[in-house]
């Protein structure tokens, strides 16, 4: 596997974990909230908190940059 594939898998794994955490918090906090509403709220919060991947091109090669709300500086890969 190349670096790009590993980063994309890690991004989706982190997104899924964030979704599950938010879902569980909503499940135990609001017992009367229906499942579709929990899913929409969890997906919205997951979209905000998930890491972003940008590709940019330098003179020598394409590079990837991972930006996340929890990190101050982007990580170049």
PDB file of N, CA and C in Angstrom:
ATOM      1  N   UNK A   1       0.839  -1.180   0.000  1.00  0.00           N
ATOM      2  CA  UNK A   1       0.000   0.000   0.000  1.00  0.00           C
ATOM      3  C   UNK A   1       0.882   1.241   0.000  1.00  0.00           C
ATOM      4  N   UNK A   2       0.462   2.212  -0.768  1.00  0.00           N
ATOM      5  CA  UNK A   2       1.219   3.453  -0.772  1.00  0.00           C
ATOM      6  C   UNK A   2       0.705   4.395   0.317  1.00  0.00           C
ATOM      7  N   UNK A   3       1.381   5.515   0.473  1.00  0.00           N
ATOM      8  CA  UNK A   3       1.049   6.452   1.547  1.00  0.00           C
ATOM      9  C   UNK A   3      -0.359   7.019   1.416  1.00  0.00           C
ATOM     10  N   UNK A   4      -0.748   7.316   0.196  1.00  0.00           N
ATOM     11  CA  UNK A   4      -2.061   7.922  -0.024  1.00  0.00           C
ATOM     12  C   UNK A   4      -3.177   6.989   0.443  1.00  0.00           C
ATOM     13  N   UNK A   5      -3.061   5.719   0.147  1.00  0.00           N
ATOM     14  CA  UNK A   5      -4.068   4.747   0.554  1.00  0.00           C
ATOM     15  C   UNK A   5      -4.125   4.631   2.071  1.00  0.00           C
ATOM     16  N   UNK A   6      -2.978   4.613   2.720  1.00  0.00           N
ATOM     17  CA  UNK A   6      -2.938   4.515   4.178  1.00  0.00           C
ATOM     18  C   UNK A   6      -3.572   5.733   4.832  1.00  0.00           C
ATOM     19  N   UNK A   7      -3.301   6.910   4.304  1.00  0.00           N
ATOM     20  CA  UNK A   7      -3.866   8.137   4.868  1.00  0.00           C
ATOM     21  C   UNK A   7      -5.380   8.168   4.681  1.00  0.00           C
ATOM     22  N   UNK A   8      -5.856   7.751   3.532  1.00  0.00           N
ATOM     23  CA  UNK A   8      -7.297   7.748   3.282  1.00  0.00           C
ATOM     24  C   UNK A   8      -8.008   6.740   4.192  1.00  0.00           C
ATOM     25  N   UNK A   9      -7.421   5.567   4.383  1.00  0.00           N
ATOM     26  CA  UNK A   9      -8.009   4.576   5.292  1.00  0.00           C
ATOM     27  C   UNK A   9      -8.035   5.117   6.716  1.00  0.00           C
ATOM     28  N   UNK A  10      -6.957   5.753   7.140  1.00  0.00           N
ATOM     29  CA  UNK A  10      -6.903   6.344   8.477  1.00  0.00           C
ATOM     30  C   UNK A  10      -7.947   7.445   8.639  1.00  0.00           C
ATOM     31  N   UNK A  11      -8.145   8.234   7.607  1.00  0.00           N
ATOM     32  CA  UNK A  11      -9.148   9.303   7.665  1.00  0.00           C
ATOM     33  C   UNK A  11     -10.552   8.739   7.843  1.00  0.00           C
ATOM     34  N   UNK A  12     -10.899   7.714   7.073  1.00  0.00           N
ATOM     35  CA  UNK A  12     -12.226   7.119   7.196  1.00  0.00           C
ATOM     36  C   UNK A  12     -12.404   6.400   8.533  1.00  0.00           C
ATOM     37  N   UNK A  13     -11.348   5.808   9.043  1.00  0.00           N
ATOM     38  CA  UNK A  13     -11.410   5.161  10.346  1.00  0.00           C
ATOM     39  C   UNK A  13     -11.653   6.186  11.456  1.00  0.00           C
ATOM     40  N   UNK A  14     -10.952   7.308  11.407  1.00  0.00           N
ATOM     41  CA  UNK A  14     -11.156   8.375  12.392  1.00  0.00           C
ATOM     42  C   UNK A  14     -12.573   8.936  12.272  1.00  0.00           C
ATOM     43  N   UNK A  15     -13.051   9.130  11.065  1.00  0.00           N
ATOM     44  CA  UNK A  15     -14.408   9.637  10.864  1.00  0.00           C
ATOM     45  C   UNK A  15     -15.444   8.685  11.444  1.00  0.00           C
ATOM     46  N   UNK A  16     -15.264   7.399  11.218  1.00  0.00           N
ATOM     47  CA  UNK A  16     -16.193   6.403  11.741  1.00  0.00           C
ATOM     48  C   UNK A  16     -16.182   6.395  13.268  1.00  0.00           C
ATOM     49  N   UNK A  17     -15.010   6.506  13.870  1.00  0.00           N
ATOM     50  CA  UNK A  17     -14.909   6.534  15.331  1.00  0.00           C
ATOM     51  C   UNK A  17     -15.596   7.772  15.894  1.00  0.00           C
ATOM     52  N   UNK A  18     -15.405   8.920  15.257  1.00  0.00           N
ATOM     53  CA  UNK A  18     -16.080  10.147  15.699  1.00  0.00           C
ATOM     54  C   UNK A  18     -17.592   9.978  15.591  1.00  0.00           C
ATOM     55  N   UNK A  19     -18.060   9.396  14.491  1.00  0.00           N
ATOM     56  CA  UNK A  19     -19.492   9.155  14.311  1.00  0.00           C
ATOM     57  C   UNK A  19     -20.050   8.287  15.430  1.00  0.00           C
ATOM     58  N   UNK A  20     -19.348   7.197  15.761  1.00  0.00           N
ATOM     59  CA  UNK A  20     -19.822   6.302  16.812  1.00  0.00           C
ATOM     60  C   UNK A  20     -19.839   6.976  18.179  1.00  0.00           C
ATOM     61  N   UNK A  21     -18.828   7.760  18.473  1.00  0.00           N
ATOM     62  CA  UNK A  21     -18.774   8.449  19.761  1.00  0.00           C
ATOM     63  C   UNK A  21     -19.941   9.418  19.895  1.00  0.00           C
ATOM     64  N   UNK A  22     -20.191  10.193  18.860  1.00  0.00           N
ATOM     65  CA  UNK A  22     -21.301  11.153  18.904  1.00  0.00           C
ATOM     66  C   UNK A  22     -22.635  10.417  18.991  1.00  0.00           C
ATOM     67  N   UNK A  23     -22.775   9.318  18.240  1.00  0.00           N
ATOM     68  CA  UNK A  23     -24.009   8.529  18.270  1.00  0.00           C
ATOM     69  C   UNK A  23     -24.270   8.006  19.691  1.00  0.00           C
ATOM     70  N   UNK A  24     -23.243   7.469  20.331  1.00  0.00           N
ATOM     71  CA  UNK A  24     -23.404   6.922  21.681  1.00  0.00           C
ATOM     72  C   UNK A  24     -23.757   8.025  22.677  1.00  0.00           C
ATOM     73  N   UNK A  25     -23.117   9.174  22.553  1.00  0.00           N
ATOM     74  CA  UNK A  25     -23.443  10.299  23.438  1.00  0.00           C
ATOM     75  C   UNK A  25     -24.898  10.717  23.255  1.00  0.00           C
ATOM     76  N   UNK A  26     -25.344  10.818  22.008  1.00  0.00           N
ATOM     77  CA  UNK A  26     -26.739  11.185  21.751  1.00  0.00           C
ATOM     78  C   UNK A  26     -27.705  10.106  22.238  1.00  0.00           C
ATOM     79  N   UNK A  27     -27.319   8.859  22.097  1.00  0.00           N
ATOM     80  CA  UNK A  27     -28.191   7.757  22.501  1.00  0.00           C
ATOM     81  C   UNK A  27     -28.455   7.784  24.006  1.00  0.00           C
ATOM     82  N   UNK A  28     -27.415   8.030  24.792  1.00  0.00           N
ATOM     83  CA  UNK A  28     -27.588   8.029  26.233  1.00  0.00           C
ATOM     84  C   UNK A  28     -28.071   9.368  26.782  1.00  0.00           C
ATOM     85  N   UNK A  29     -27.857  10.446  26.056  1.00  0.00           N
ATOM     86  CA  UNK A  29     -28.299  11.764  26.523  1.00  0.00           C
ATOM     87  C   UNK A  29     -29.763  12.029  26.198  1.00  0.00           C
ATOM     88  N   UNK A  30     -30.179  11.679  24.990  1.00  0.00           N
ATOM     89  CA  UNK A  30     -31.547  11.932  24.533  1.00  0.00           C
ATOM     90  C   UNK A  30     -32.201  10.611  24.148  1.00  0.00           C
ATOM     91  N   UNK A  31     -32.863   9.976  25.101  1.00  0.00           N
ATOM     92  CA  UNK A  31     -33.446   8.663  24.850  1.00  0.00           C
ATOM     93  C   UNK A  31     -34.647   8.730  23.909  1.00  0.00           C
ATOM     94  N   UNK A  32     -35.354   9.848  23.867  1.00  0.00           N
ATOM     95  CA  UNK A  32     -36.546   9.965  23.015  1.00  0.00           C
ATOM     96  C   UNK A  32     -36.223  10.382  21.585  1.00  0.00           C
ATOM     97  N   UNK A  33     -34.976  10.680  21.296  1.00  0.00           N
ATOM     98  CA  UNK A  33     -34.583  11.106  19.957  1.00  0.00           C
ATOM     99  C   UNK A  33     -34.579   9.899  19.024  1.00  0.00           C
ATOM    100  N   UNK A  34     -35.225  10.028  17.872  1.00  0.00           N
ATOM    101  CA  UNK A  34     -35.336   8.913  16.922  1.00  0.00           C
ATOM    102  C   UNK A  34     -34.009   8.692  16.194  1.00  0.00           C
ATOM    103  N   UNK A  35     -33.829   7.475  15.663  1.00  0.00           N
ATOM    104  CA  UNK A  35     -32.577   7.090  15.025  1.00  0.00           C
ATOM    105  C   UNK A  35     -32.198   7.952  13.820  1.00  0.00           C
ATOM    106  N   UNK A  36     -33.116   8.323  12.914  1.00  0.00           N
ATOM    107  CA  UNK A  36     -32.691   9.153  11.778  1.00  0.00           C
ATOM    108  C   UNK A  36     -32.137  10.518  12.221  1.00  0.00           C
ATOM    109  N   UNK A  37     -32.701  11.075  13.271  1.00  0.00           N
ATOM    110  CA  UNK A  37     -32.208  12.361  13.764  1.00  0.00           C
ATOM    111  C   UNK A  37     -30.827  12.208  14.410  1.00  0.00           C
ATOM    112  N   UNK A  38     -30.631  11.113  15.124  1.00  0.00           N
ATOM    113  CA  UNK A  38     -29.314  10.836  15.700  1.00  0.00           C
ATOM    114  C   UNK A  38     -28.273  10.709  14.588  1.00  0.00           C
ATOM    115  N   UNK A  39     -28.651  10.030  13.511  1.00  0.00           N
ATOM    116  CA  UNK A  39     -27.718   9.834  12.397  1.00  0.00           C
ATOM    117  C   UNK A  39     -27.377  11.156  11.718  1.00  0.00           C
ATOM    118  N   UNK A  40     -28.380  12.006  11.515  1.00  0.00           N
ATOM    119  CA  UNK A  40     -28.115  13.299  10.859  1.00  0.00           C
ATOM    120  C   UNK A  40     -27.238  14.190  11.726  1.00  0.00           C
ATOM    121  N   UNK A  41     -27.519  14.244  13.007  1.00  0.00           N
ATOM    122  CA  UNK A  41     -26.723  15.065  13.921  1.00  0.00           C
ATOM    123  C   UNK A  41     -25.303  14.516  14.012  1.00  0.00           C
ATOM    124  N   UNK A  42     -25.166  13.202  14.129  1.00  0.00           N
ATOM    125  CA  UNK A  42     -23.841  12.576  14.214  1.00  0.00           C
ATOM    126  C   UNK A  42     -23.035  12.810  12.945  1.00  0.00           C
ATOM    127  N   UNK A  43     -23.684  12.716  11.785  1.00  0.00           N
ATOM    128  CA  UNK A  43     -22.985  12.929  10.515  1.00  0.00           C
ATOM    129  C   UNK A  43     -22.539  14.383  10.372  1.00  0.00           C
ATOM    130  N   UNK A  44     -23.368  15.314  10.801  1.00  0.00           N
ATOM    131  CA  UNK A  44     -22.978  16.725  10.728  1.00  0.00           C
ATOM    132  C   UNK A  44     -21.788  17.040  11.609  1.00  0.00           C
ATOM    133  N   UNK A  45     -21.811  16.544  12.827  1.00  0.00           N
ATOM    134  CA  UNK A  45     -20.685  16.781  13.738  1.00  0.00           C
ATOM    135  C   UNK A  45     -19.443  16.055  13.243  1.00  0.00           C
ATOM    136  N   UNK A  46     -19.613  14.857  12.693  1.00  0.00           N
ATOM    137  CA  UNK A  46     -18.479  14.118  12.146  1.00  0.00           C
ATOM    138  C   UNK A  46     -17.837  14.879  10.980  1.00  0.00           C
ATOM    139  N   UNK A  47     -18.658  15.484  10.134  1.00  0.00           N
ATOM    140  CA  UNK A  47     -18.125  16.229   8.986  1.00  0.00           C
ATOM    141  C   UNK A  47     -17.297  17.428   9.449  1.00  0.00           C
ATOM    142  N   UNK A  48     -17.680  18.027  10.556  1.00  0.00           N
ATOM    143  CA  UNK A  48     -16.935  19.175  11.071  1.00  0.00           C
ATOM    144  C   UNK A  48     -15.631  18.728  11.733  1.00  0.00           C
ATOM    145  N   UNK A  49     -15.658  17.634  12.472  1.00  0.00           N
ATOM    146  CA  UNK A  49     -14.506  17.209  13.264  1.00  0.00           C
ATOM    147  C   UNK A  49     -13.534  16.283  12.536  1.00  0.00           C
ATOM    148  N   UNK A  50     -13.883  15.780  11.367  1.00  0.00           N
ATOM    149  CA  UNK A  50     -13.023  14.839  10.650  1.00  0.00           C
ATOM    150  C   UNK A  50     -11.833  15.553  10.015  1.00  0.00           C
ATOM    151  N   UNK A  51     -10.719  14.827   9.865  1.00  0.00           N
ATOM    152  CA  UNK A  51      -9.556  15.426   9.202  1.00  0.00           C
ATOM    153  C   UNK A  51      -9.804  15.631   7.706  1.00  0.00           C
ATOM    154  N   UNK A  52      -9.168  16.642   7.154  1.00  0.00           N
ATOM    155  CA  UNK A  52      -9.279  16.945   5.725  1.00  0.00           C
ATOM    156  C   UNK A  52      -7.951  16.600   5.048  1.00  0.00           C
ATOM    157  N   UNK A  53      -8.045  16.098   3.839  1.00  0.00           N
ATOM    158  CA  UNK A  53      -6.853  15.758   3.065  1.00  0.00           C
ATOM    159  C   UNK A  53      -6.837  16.614   1.814  1.00  0.00           C
ATOM    160  N   UNK A  54      -5.728  17.314   1.609  1.00  0.00           N
ATOM    161  CA  UNK A  54      -5.552  18.122   0.403  1.00  0.00           C
ATOM    162  C   UNK A  54      -4.328  17.624  -0.345  1.00  0.00           C
ATOM    163  N   UNK A  55      -4.449  17.596  -1.644  1.00  0.00           N
ATOM    164  CA  UNK A  55      -3.315  17.247  -2.490  1.00  0.00           C
ATOM    165  C   UNK A  55      -2.827  18.489  -3.198  1.00  0.00           C
ATOM    166  N   UNK A  56      -1.536  18.693  -3.197  1.00  0.00           N
ATOM    167  CA  UNK A  56      -0.976  19.811  -3.931  1.00  0.00           C
ATOM    168  C   UNK A  56       0.270  19.338  -4.657  1.00  0.00           C
ATOM    169  N   UNK A  57       0.607  20.075  -5.682  1.00  0.00           N
ATOM    170  CA  UNK A  57       1.703  19.656  -6.539  1.00  0.00           C
ATOM    171  C   UNK A  57       2.891  20.589  -6.375  1.00  0.00           C
ATOM    172  N   UNK A  58       4.052  20.016  -6.118  1.00  0.00           N
ATOM    173  CA  UNK A  58       5.287  20.782  -6.067  1.00  0.00           C
ATOM    174  C   UNK A  58       6.008  20.588  -7.400  1.00  0.00           C
ATOM    175  N   UNK A  59       7.168  21.162  -7.504  1.00  0.00           N
ATOM    176  CA  UNK A  59       7.910  21.017  -8.755  1.00  0.00           C
ATOM    177  C   UNK A  59       8.354  19.575  -8.986  1.00  0.00           C
ATOM    178  N   UNK A  60       8.602  18.845  -7.916  1.00  0.00           N
ATOM    179  CA  UNK A  60       9.120  17.496  -8.082  1.00  0.00           C
ATOM    180  C   UNK A  60       8.045  16.400  -8.031  1.00  0.00           C
ATOM    181  N   UNK A  61       6.988  16.597  -7.212  1.00  0.00           N
ATOM    182  CA  UNK A  61       6.007  15.532  -7.046  1.00  0.00           C
ATOM    183  C   UNK A  61       4.705  16.069  -6.465  1.00  0.00           C
ATOM    184  N   UNK A  62       3.728  15.172  -6.361  1.00  0.00           N
ATOM    185  CA  UNK A  62       2.483  15.506  -5.671  1.00  0.00           C
ATOM    186  C   UNK A  62       2.653  15.185  -4.192  1.00  0.00           C
ATOM    187  N   UNK A  63       2.163  16.061  -3.357  1.00  0.00           N
ATOM    188  CA  UNK A  63       2.236  15.846  -1.917  1.00  0.00           C
ATOM    189  C   UNK A  63       0.837  15.942  -1.335  1.00  0.00           C
ATOM    190  N   UNK A  64       0.683  15.348  -0.168  1.00  0.00           N
ATOM    191  CA  UNK A  64      -0.599  15.385   0.527  1.00  0.00           C
ATOM    192  C   UNK A  64      -0.422  16.145   1.837  1.00  0.00           C
ATOM    193  N   UNK A  65      -1.493  16.778   2.234  1.00  0.00           N
ATOM    194  CA  UNK A  65      -1.484  17.566   3.455  1.00  0.00           C
ATOM    195  C   UNK A  65      -2.732  17.188   4.256  1.00  0.00           C
ATOM    196  N   UNK A  66      -2.545  16.828   5.513  1.00  0.00           N
ATOM    197  CA  UNK A  66      -3.649  16.468   6.388  1.00  0.00           C
ATOM    198  C   UNK A  66      -3.893  17.639   7.342  1.00  0.00           C
ATOM    199  N   UNK A  67      -5.113  18.150   7.300  1.00  0.00           N
ATOM    200  CA  UNK A  67      -5.490  19.257   8.178  1.00  0.00           C
ATOM    201  C   UNK A  67      -6.601  18.758   9.086  1.00  0.00           C
ATOM    202  N   UNK A  68      -6.489  19.099  10.370  1.00  0.00           N
ATOM    203  CA  UNK A  68      -7.469  18.666  11.339  1.00  0.00           C
ATOM    204  C   UNK A  68      -7.709  19.791  12.316  1.00  0.00           C
ATOM    205  N   UNK A  69      -8.926  19.885  12.821  1.00  0.00           N
ATOM    206  CA  UNK A  69      -9.297  20.964  13.726  1.00  0.00           C
ATOM    207  C   UNK A  69      -8.502  20.869  15.037  1.00  0.00           C
ATOM    208  N   UNK A  70      -8.051  19.672  15.416  1.00  0.00           N
ATOM    209  CA  UNK A  70      -7.334  19.471  16.661  1.00  0.00           C
ATOM    210  C   UNK A  70      -5.834  19.730  16.535  1.00  0.00           C
ATOM    211  N   UNK A  71      -5.327  19.891  15.334  1.00  0.00           N
ATOM    212  CA  UNK A  71      -3.914  20.176  15.117  1.00  0.00           C
ATOM    213  C   UNK A  71      -3.734  21.612  14.667  1.00  0.00           C
ATOM    214  N   UNK A  72      -2.708  22.260  15.180  1.00  0.00           N
ATOM    215  CA  UNK A  72      -2.477  23.663  14.818  1.00  0.00           C
ATOM    216  C   UNK A  72      -1.900  23.800  13.409  1.00  0.00           C
ATOM    217  N   UNK A  73      -0.947  22.950  13.083  1.00  0.00           N
ATOM    218  CA  UNK A  73      -0.294  23.034  11.781  1.00  0.00           C
ATOM    219  C   UNK A  73      -0.657  21.816  10.940  1.00  0.00           C
ATOM    220  N   UNK A  74      -0.785  21.992   9.635  1.00  0.00           N
ATOM    221  CA  UNK A  74      -1.065  20.834   8.774  1.00  0.00           C
ATOM    222  C   UNK A  74       0.138  19.904   8.694  1.00  0.00           C
ATOM    223  N   UNK A  75      -0.127  18.628   8.504  1.00  0.00           N
ATOM    224  CA  UNK A  75       0.919  17.614   8.379  1.00  0.00           C
ATOM    225  C   UNK A  75       1.126  17.336   6.894  1.00  0.00           C
ATOM    226  N   UNK A  76       2.345  17.499   6.416  1.00  0.00           N
ATOM    227  CA  UNK A  76       2.649  17.197   5.022  1.00  0.00           C
ATOM    228  C   UNK A  76       3.152  15.761   4.907  1.00  0.00           C
ATOM    229  N   UNK A  77       2.589  15.062   3.940  1.00  0.00           N
ATOM    230  CA  UNK A  77       2.989  13.664   3.731  1.00  0.00           C
ATOM    231  C   UNK A  77       3.541  13.516   2.335  1.00  0.00           C
TER     232      UNK A  77
END
